[in-house]
Amino acid sequence: MPLNISGKDTVFAWQVGLGAEVPITDRMSMVVTYRHLRANSFKLSDTQGTAIDADLETNILALGAMVRF
C-alpha cells in the first residue's frame, strides 16, 4: 500500500559542506564534495489524518570531473 504524506511546516534547518579539487591536467580536475543537511521536528500527516512528527538528515558525497574550455 503506497504511503501518501502531505503537509507544510516552517522549521529551523542547517547544513555544512566542504569540497576539494585535485588538478589532473591544466584543463581537467577531479572534484569531491560532501554536504550534511538536518531539519528537526517538522509536522506532516497521512491520508487518514494521522499526525507525523519527522526529522530529516541527509549526507551527500559527490565525485565529479571539471573541464575548463
PDB file of N, CA and C in Angstrom:
ATOM      1  N   MET A   1       0.847  -1.175   0.000  1.00  0.00           N
ATOM      2  CA  MET A   1       0.000   0.000   0.000  1.00  0.00           C
ATOM      3  C   MET A   1       0.895   1.240   0.000  1.00  0.00           C
ATOM      4  N   PRO A   2       0.712   2.146  -0.953  1.00  0.00           N
ATOM      5  CA  PRO A   2       1.549   3.339  -1.006  1.00  0.00           C
ATOM      6  C   PRO A   2       1.260   4.276   0.170  1.00  0.00           C
ATOM      7  N   LEU A   3       2.280   4.942   0.623  1.00  0.00           N
ATOM      8  CA  LEU A   3       2.164   5.891   1.720  1.00  0.00           C
ATOM      9  C   LEU A   3       2.036   7.291   1.143  1.00  0.00           C
ATOM     10  N   ASN A   4       0.945   7.980   1.475  1.00  0.00           N
ATOM     11  CA  ASN A   4       0.701   9.321   0.962  1.00  0.00           C
ATOM     12  C   ASN A   4       0.800  10.299   2.118  1.00  0.00           C
ATOM     13  N   ILE A   5       1.867  11.092   2.137  1.00  0.00           N
ATOM     14  CA  ILE A   5       2.120  12.041   3.216  1.00  0.00           C
ATOM     15  C   ILE A   5       2.108  13.446   2.642  1.00  0.00           C
ATOM     16  N   SER A   6       1.512  14.373   3.378  1.00  0.00           N
ATOM     17  CA  SER A   6       1.481  15.753   2.917  1.00  0.00           C
ATOM     18  C   SER A   6       1.588  16.701   4.109  1.00  0.00           C
ATOM     19  N   GLY A   7       1.702  17.965   3.805  1.00  0.00           N
ATOM     20  CA  GLY A   7       1.759  18.992   4.830  1.00  0.00           C
ATOM     21  C   GLY A   7       2.864  19.977   4.545  1.00  0.00           C
ATOM     22  N   LYS A   8       2.839  21.057   5.323  1.00  0.00           N
ATOM     23  CA  LYS A   8       3.928  22.017   5.235  1.00  0.00           C
ATOM     24  C   LYS A   8       4.136  22.604   6.619  1.00  0.00           C
ATOM     25  N   ASP A   9       5.377  22.919   6.891  1.00  0.00           N
ATOM     26  CA  ASP A   9       5.750  23.417   8.202  1.00  0.00           C
ATOM     27  C   ASP A   9       7.004  24.261   8.034  1.00  0.00           C
ATOM     28  N   THR A  10       7.205  25.205   8.908  1.00  0.00           N
ATOM     29  CA  THR A  10       8.411  26.019   8.893  1.00  0.00           C
ATOM     30  C   THR A  10       9.244  25.652  10.108  1.00  0.00           C
ATOM     31  N   VAL A  11      10.446  25.175   9.858  1.00  0.00           N
ATOM     32  CA  VAL A  11      11.334  24.756  10.942  1.00  0.00           C
ATOM     33  C   VAL A  11      12.742  25.270  10.673  1.00  0.00           C
ATOM     34  N   PHE A  12      13.572  25.230  11.701  1.00  0.00           N
ATOM     35  CA  PHE A  12      14.966  25.591  11.560  1.00  0.00           C
ATOM     36  C   PHE A  12      15.708  24.433  10.910  1.00  0.00           C
ATOM     37  N   ALA A  13      16.511  24.725   9.909  1.00  0.00           N
ATOM     38  CA  ALA A  13      17.336  23.720   9.236  1.00  0.00           C
ATOM     39  C   ALA A  13      18.742  24.280   9.094  1.00  0.00           C
ATOM     40  N   TRP A  14      19.730  23.400   9.064  1.00  0.00           N
ATOM     41  CA  TRP A  14      21.104  23.846   8.863  1.00  0.00           C
ATOM     42  C   TRP A  14      21.836  22.842   7.996  1.00  0.00           C
ATOM     43  N   GLN A  15      22.911  23.329   7.385  1.00  0.00           N
ATOM     44  CA  GLN A  15      23.735  22.453   6.569  1.00  0.00           C
ATOM     45  C   GLN A  15      25.187  22.903   6.637  1.00  0.00           C
ATOM     46  N   VAL A  16      26.072  21.963   6.392  1.00  0.00           N
ATOM     47  CA  VAL A  16      27.500  22.247   6.332  1.00  0.00           C
ATOM     48  C   VAL A  16      28.065  21.436   5.173  1.00  0.00           C
ATOM     49  N   GLY A  17      29.031  21.990   4.494  1.00  0.00           N
ATOM     50  CA  GLY A  17      29.614  21.283   3.363  1.00  0.00           C
ATOM     51  C   GLY A  17      31.083  21.612   3.202  1.00  0.00           C
ATOM     52  N   LEU A  18      31.761  20.763   2.477  1.00  0.00           N
ATOM     53  CA  LEU A  18      33.156  21.001   2.144  1.00  0.00           C
ATOM     54  C   LEU A  18      33.465  20.297   0.839  1.00  0.00           C
ATOM     55  N   GLY A  19      34.544  20.716   0.226  1.00  0.00           N
ATOM     56  CA  GLY A  19      34.911  20.126  -1.051  1.00  0.00           C
ATOM     57  C   GLY A  19      36.377  20.317  -1.347  1.00  0.00           C
ATOM     58  N   ALA A  20      36.843  19.568  -2.322  1.00  0.00           N
ATOM     59  CA  ALA A  20      38.234  19.662  -2.751  1.00  0.00           C
ATOM     60  C   ALA A  20      38.307  19.445  -4.259  1.00  0.00           C
ATOM     61  N   GLU A  21      39.249  20.128  -4.864  1.00  0.00           N
ATOM     62  CA  GLU A  21      39.504  19.985  -6.297  1.00  0.00           C
ATOM     63  C   GLU A  21      40.962  19.562  -6.474  1.00  0.00           C
ATOM     64  N   VAL A  22      41.175  18.479  -7.217  1.00  0.00           N
ATOM     65  CA  VAL A  22      42.526  17.956  -7.446  1.00  0.00           C
ATOM     66  C   VAL A  22      42.840  18.059  -8.934  1.00  0.00           C
ATOM     67  N   PRO A  23      43.820  18.894  -9.303  1.00  0.00           N
ATOM     68  CA  PRO A  23      44.158  19.036 -10.726  1.00  0.00           C
ATOM     69  C   PRO A  23      44.743  17.733 -11.297  1.00  0.00           C
ATOM     70  N   ILE A  24      44.304  17.379 -12.503  1.00  0.00           N
ATOM     71  CA  ILE A  24      44.853  16.219 -13.215  1.00  0.00           C
ATOM     72  C   ILE A  24      45.736  16.713 -14.363  1.00  0.00           C
ATOM     73  N   THR A  25      45.225  17.676 -15.111  1.00  0.00           N
ATOM     74  CA  THR A  25      45.987  18.358 -16.167  1.00  0.00           C
ATOM     75  C   THR A  25      45.722  19.855 -16.020  1.00  0.00           C
ATOM     76  N   ASP A  26      46.234  20.657 -16.943  1.00  0.00           N
ATOM     77  CA  ASP A  26      45.972  22.102 -16.905  1.00  0.00           C
ATOM     78  C   ASP A  26      44.497  22.425 -17.085  1.00  0.00           C
ATOM     79  N   ARG A  27      43.768  21.566 -17.770  1.00  0.00           N
ATOM     80  CA  ARG A  27      42.356  21.841 -18.080  1.00  0.00           C
ATOM     81  C   ARG A  27      41.366  20.922 -17.388  1.00  0.00           C
ATOM     82  N   MET A  28      41.826  19.904 -16.667  1.00  0.00           N
ATOM     83  CA  MET A  28      40.902  18.935 -16.064  1.00  0.00           C
ATOM     84  C   MET A  28      41.237  18.707 -14.599  1.00  0.00           C
ATOM     85  N   SER A  29      40.180  18.611 -13.785  1.00  0.00           N
ATOM     86  CA  SER A  29      40.328  18.358 -12.352  1.00  0.00           C
ATOM     87  C   SER A  29      39.293  17.342 -11.902  1.00  0.00           C
ATOM     88  N   MET A  30      39.612  16.632 -10.837  1.00  0.00           N
ATOM     89  CA  MET A  30      38.639  15.789 -10.143  1.00  0.00           C
ATOM     90  C   MET A  30      38.123  16.597  -8.963  1.00  0.00           C
ATOM     91  N   VAL A  31      36.815  16.495  -8.680  1.00  0.00           N
ATOM     92  CA  VAL A  31      36.190  17.264  -7.610  1.00  0.00           C
ATOM     93  C   VAL A  31      35.439  16.303  -6.699  1.00  0.00           C
ATOM     94  N   VAL A  32      35.597  16.476  -5.390  1.00  0.00           N
ATOM     95  CA  VAL A  32      34.836  15.703  -4.413  1.00  0.00           C
ATOM     96  C   VAL A  32      34.207  16.693  -3.436  1.00  0.00           C
ATOM     97  N   THR A  33      32.900  16.501  -3.148  1.00  0.00           N
ATOM     98  CA  THR A  33      32.193  17.380  -2.213  1.00  0.00           C
ATOM     99  C   THR A  33      31.372  16.535  -1.243  1.00  0.00           C
ATOM    100  N   TYR A  34      31.150  17.097  -0.066  1.00  0.00           N
ATOM    101  CA  TYR A  34      30.325  16.458   0.967  1.00  0.00           C
ATOM    102  C   TYR A  34      29.384  17.513   1.531  1.00  0.00           C
ATOM    103  N   ARG A  35      28.120  17.135   1.765  1.00  0.00           N
ATOM    104  CA  ARG A  35      27.150  18.040   2.376  1.00  0.00           C
ATOM    105  C   ARG A  35      26.305  17.282   3.385  1.00  0.00           C
ATOM    106  N   HIS A  36      26.138  17.876   4.558  1.00  0.00           N
ATOM    107  CA  HIS A  36      25.276  17.325   5.604  1.00  0.00           C
ATOM    108  C   HIS A  36      24.155  18.334   5.832  1.00  0.00           C
ATOM    109  N   LEU A  37      22.901  17.863   5.816  1.00  0.00           N
ATOM    110  CA  LEU A  37      21.727  18.722   6.000  1.00  0.00           C
ATOM    111  C   LEU A  37      20.854  18.124   7.090  1.00  0.00           C
ATOM    112  N   ARG A  38      20.345  18.979   7.989  1.00  0.00           N
ATOM    113  CA  ARG A  38      19.463  18.493   9.056  1.00  0.00           C
ATOM    114  C   ARG A  38      18.343  19.501   9.294  1.00  0.00           C
ATOM    115  N   ALA A  39      17.115  18.984   9.437  1.00  0.00           N
ATOM    116  CA  ALA A  39      15.936  19.758   9.839  1.00  0.00           C
ATOM    117  C   ALA A  39      15.192  18.915  10.858  1.00  0.00           C
ATOM    118  N   ASN A  40      14.888  19.499  12.004  1.00  0.00           N
ATOM    119  CA  ASN A  40      14.283  18.736  13.095  1.00  0.00           C
ATOM    120  C   ASN A  40      12.845  19.145  13.358  1.00  0.00           C
ATOM    121  N   SER A  41      12.061  18.177  13.756  1.00  0.00           N
ATOM    122  CA  SER A  41      10.715  18.366  14.317  1.00  0.00           C
ATOM    123  C   SER A  41       9.750  19.101  13.399  1.00  0.00           C
ATOM    124  N   PHE A  42       9.591  18.620  12.174  1.00  0.00           N
ATOM    125  CA  PHE A  42       8.539  19.188  11.337  1.00  0.00           C
ATOM    126  C   PHE A  42       7.349  18.237  11.321  1.00  0.00           C
ATOM    127  N   LYS A  43       6.172  18.792  11.074  1.00  0.00           N
ATOM    128  CA  LYS A  43       4.925  18.051  11.211  1.00  0.00           C
ATOM    129  C   LYS A  43       4.283  17.807   9.848  1.00  0.00           C
ATOM    130  N   LEU A  44       3.896  16.555   9.621  1.00  0.00           N
ATOM    131  CA  LEU A  44       3.210  16.127   8.408  1.00  0.00           C
ATOM    132  C   LEU A  44       1.977  15.345   8.812  1.00  0.00           C
ATOM    133  N   SER A  45       1.198  14.889   7.823  1.00  0.00           N
ATOM    134  CA  SER A  45       0.070  13.995   8.104  1.00  0.00           C
ATOM    135  C   SER A  45      -0.125  13.054   6.925  1.00  0.00           C
ATOM    136  N   ASP A  46      -0.717  11.881   7.217  1.00  0.00           N
ATOM    137  CA  ASP A  46      -1.004  10.933   6.143  1.00  0.00           C
ATOM    138  C   ASP A  46      -2.448  11.110   5.689  1.00  0.00           C
ATOM    139  N   THR A  47      -2.906  10.279   4.754  1.00  0.00           N
ATOM    140  CA  THR A  47      -4.239  10.435   4.169  1.00  0.00           C
ATOM    141  C   THR A  47      -5.364  10.198   5.174  1.00  0.00           C
ATOM    142  N   GLN A  48      -5.093   9.486   6.264  1.00  0.00           N
ATOM    143  CA  GLN A  48      -6.103   9.274   7.305  1.00  0.00           C
ATOM    144  C   GLN A  48      -6.093  10.391   8.348  1.00  0.00           C
ATOM    145  N   GLY A  49      -5.200  11.381   8.187  1.00  0.00           N
ATOM    146  CA  GLY A  49      -5.134  12.489   9.135  1.00  0.00           C
ATOM    147  C   GLY A  49      -4.249  12.226  10.337  1.00  0.00           C
ATOM    148  N   THR A  50      -3.517  11.119  10.323  1.00  0.00           N
ATOM    149  CA  THR A  50      -2.617  10.805  11.427  1.00  0.00           C
ATOM    150  C   THR A  50      -1.433  11.766  11.411  1.00  0.00           C
ATOM    151  N   ALA A  51      -1.179  12.413  12.542  1.00  0.00           N
ATOM    152  CA  ALA A  51      -0.074  13.371  12.645  1.00  0.00           C
ATOM    153  C   ALA A  51       1.265  12.626  12.677  1.00  0.00           C
ATOM    154  N   ILE A  52       2.231  13.162  11.968  1.00  0.00           N
ATOM    155  CA  ILE A  52       3.570  12.569  11.913  1.00  0.00           C
ATOM    156  C   ILE A  52       4.573  13.661  12.263  1.00  0.00           C
ATOM    157  N   ASP A  53       5.341  13.441  13.325  1.00  0.00           N
ATOM    158  CA  ASP A  53       6.461  14.322  13.655  1.00  0.00           C
ATOM    159  C   ASP A  53       7.703  13.706  13.033  1.00  0.00           C
ATOM    160  N   ALA A  54       8.405  14.471  12.223  1.00  0.00           N
ATOM    161  CA  ALA A  54       9.524  13.915  11.464  1.00  0.00           C
ATOM    162  C   ALA A  54      10.786  14.754  11.639  1.00  0.00           C
ATOM    163  N   ASP A  55      11.908  14.103  11.423  1.00  0.00           N
ATOM    164  CA  ASP A  55      13.219  14.742  11.350  1.00  0.00           C
ATOM    165  C   ASP A  55      13.826  14.357  10.007  1.00  0.00           C
ATOM    166  N   LEU A  56      14.638  15.246   9.457  1.00  0.00           N
ATOM    167  CA  LEU A  56      15.310  14.971   8.195  1.00  0.00           C
ATOM    168  C   LEU A  56      16.806  15.130   8.399  1.00  0.00           C
ATOM    169  N   GLU A  57      17.559  14.142   7.963  1.00  0.00           N
ATOM    170  CA  GLU A  57      19.012  14.213   8.000  1.00  0.00           C
ATOM    171  C   GLU A  57      19.544  13.549   6.738  1.00  0.00           C
ATOM    172  N   THR A  58      20.353  14.280   5.969  1.00  0.00           N
ATOM    173  CA  THR A  58      20.927  13.714   4.755  1.00  0.00           C
ATOM    174  C   THR A  58      22.436  13.938   4.738  1.00  0.00           C
ATOM    175  N   ASN A  59      23.121  13.003   4.127  1.00  0.00           N
ATOM    176  CA  ASN A  59      24.556  13.087   3.878  1.00  0.00           C
ATOM    177  C   ASN A  59      24.766  12.810   2.400  1.00  0.00           C
ATOM    178  N   ILE A  60      25.398  13.747   1.702  1.00  0.00           N
ATOM    179  CA  ILE A  60      25.600  13.597   0.265  1.00  0.00           C
ATOM    180  C   ILE A  60      27.093  13.690  -0.032  1.00  0.00           C
ATOM    181  N   LEU A  61      27.628  12.653  -0.644  1.00  0.00           N
ATOM    182  CA  LEU A  61      29.016  12.629  -1.094  1.00  0.00           C
ATOM    183  C   LEU A  61      28.991  12.560  -2.616  1.00  0.00           C
ATOM    184  N   ALA A  62      29.638  13.520  -3.265  1.00  0.00           N
ATOM    185  CA  ALA A  62      29.623  13.571  -4.732  1.00  0.00           C
ATOM    186  C   ALA A  62      31.051  13.608  -5.266  1.00  0.00           C
ATOM    187  N   LEU A  63      31.256  12.903  -6.349  1.00  0.00           N
ATOM    188  CA  LEU A  63      32.542  12.867  -7.039  1.00  0.00           C
ATOM    189  C   LEU A  63      32.298  13.275  -8.485  1.00  0.00           C
ATOM    190  N   GLY A  64      33.125  14.166  -9.006  1.00  0.00           N
ATOM    191  CA  GLY A  64      32.913  14.627 -10.371  1.00  0.00           C
ATOM    192  C   GLY A  64      34.195  15.058 -11.043  1.00  0.00           C
ATOM    193  N   ALA A  65      34.052  15.482 -12.274  1.00  0.00           N
ATOM    194  CA  ALA A  65      35.182  15.981 -13.058  1.00  0.00           C
ATOM    195  C   ALA A  65      34.846  17.371 -13.561  1.00  0.00           C
ATOM    196  N   MET A  66      35.854  18.228 -13.624  1.00  0.00           N
ATOM    197  CA  MET A  66      35.695  19.581 -14.125  1.00  0.00           C
ATOM    198  C   MET A  66      36.636  19.785 -15.312  1.00  0.00           C
ATOM    199  N   VAL A  67      36.073  20.274 -16.411  1.00  0.00           N
ATOM    200  CA  VAL A  67      36.872  20.521 -17.610  1.00  0.00           C
ATOM    201  C   VAL A  67      36.750  22.014 -17.932  1.00  0.00           C
ATOM    202  N   ARG A  68      37.874  22.682 -18.131  1.00  0.00           N
ATOM    203  CA  ARG A  68      37.912  24.094 -18.482  1.00  0.00           C
ATOM    204  C   ARG A  68      38.143  24.240 -19.982  1.00  0.00           C
ATOM    205  N   PHE A  69      37.327  25.048 -20.632  1.00  0.00           N
ATOM    206  CA  PHE A  69      37.439  25.275 -22.072  1.00  0.00           C
ATOM    207  C   PHE A  69      38.203  26.539 -22.359  1.00  0.00           C
TER     208      PHE A  69
END
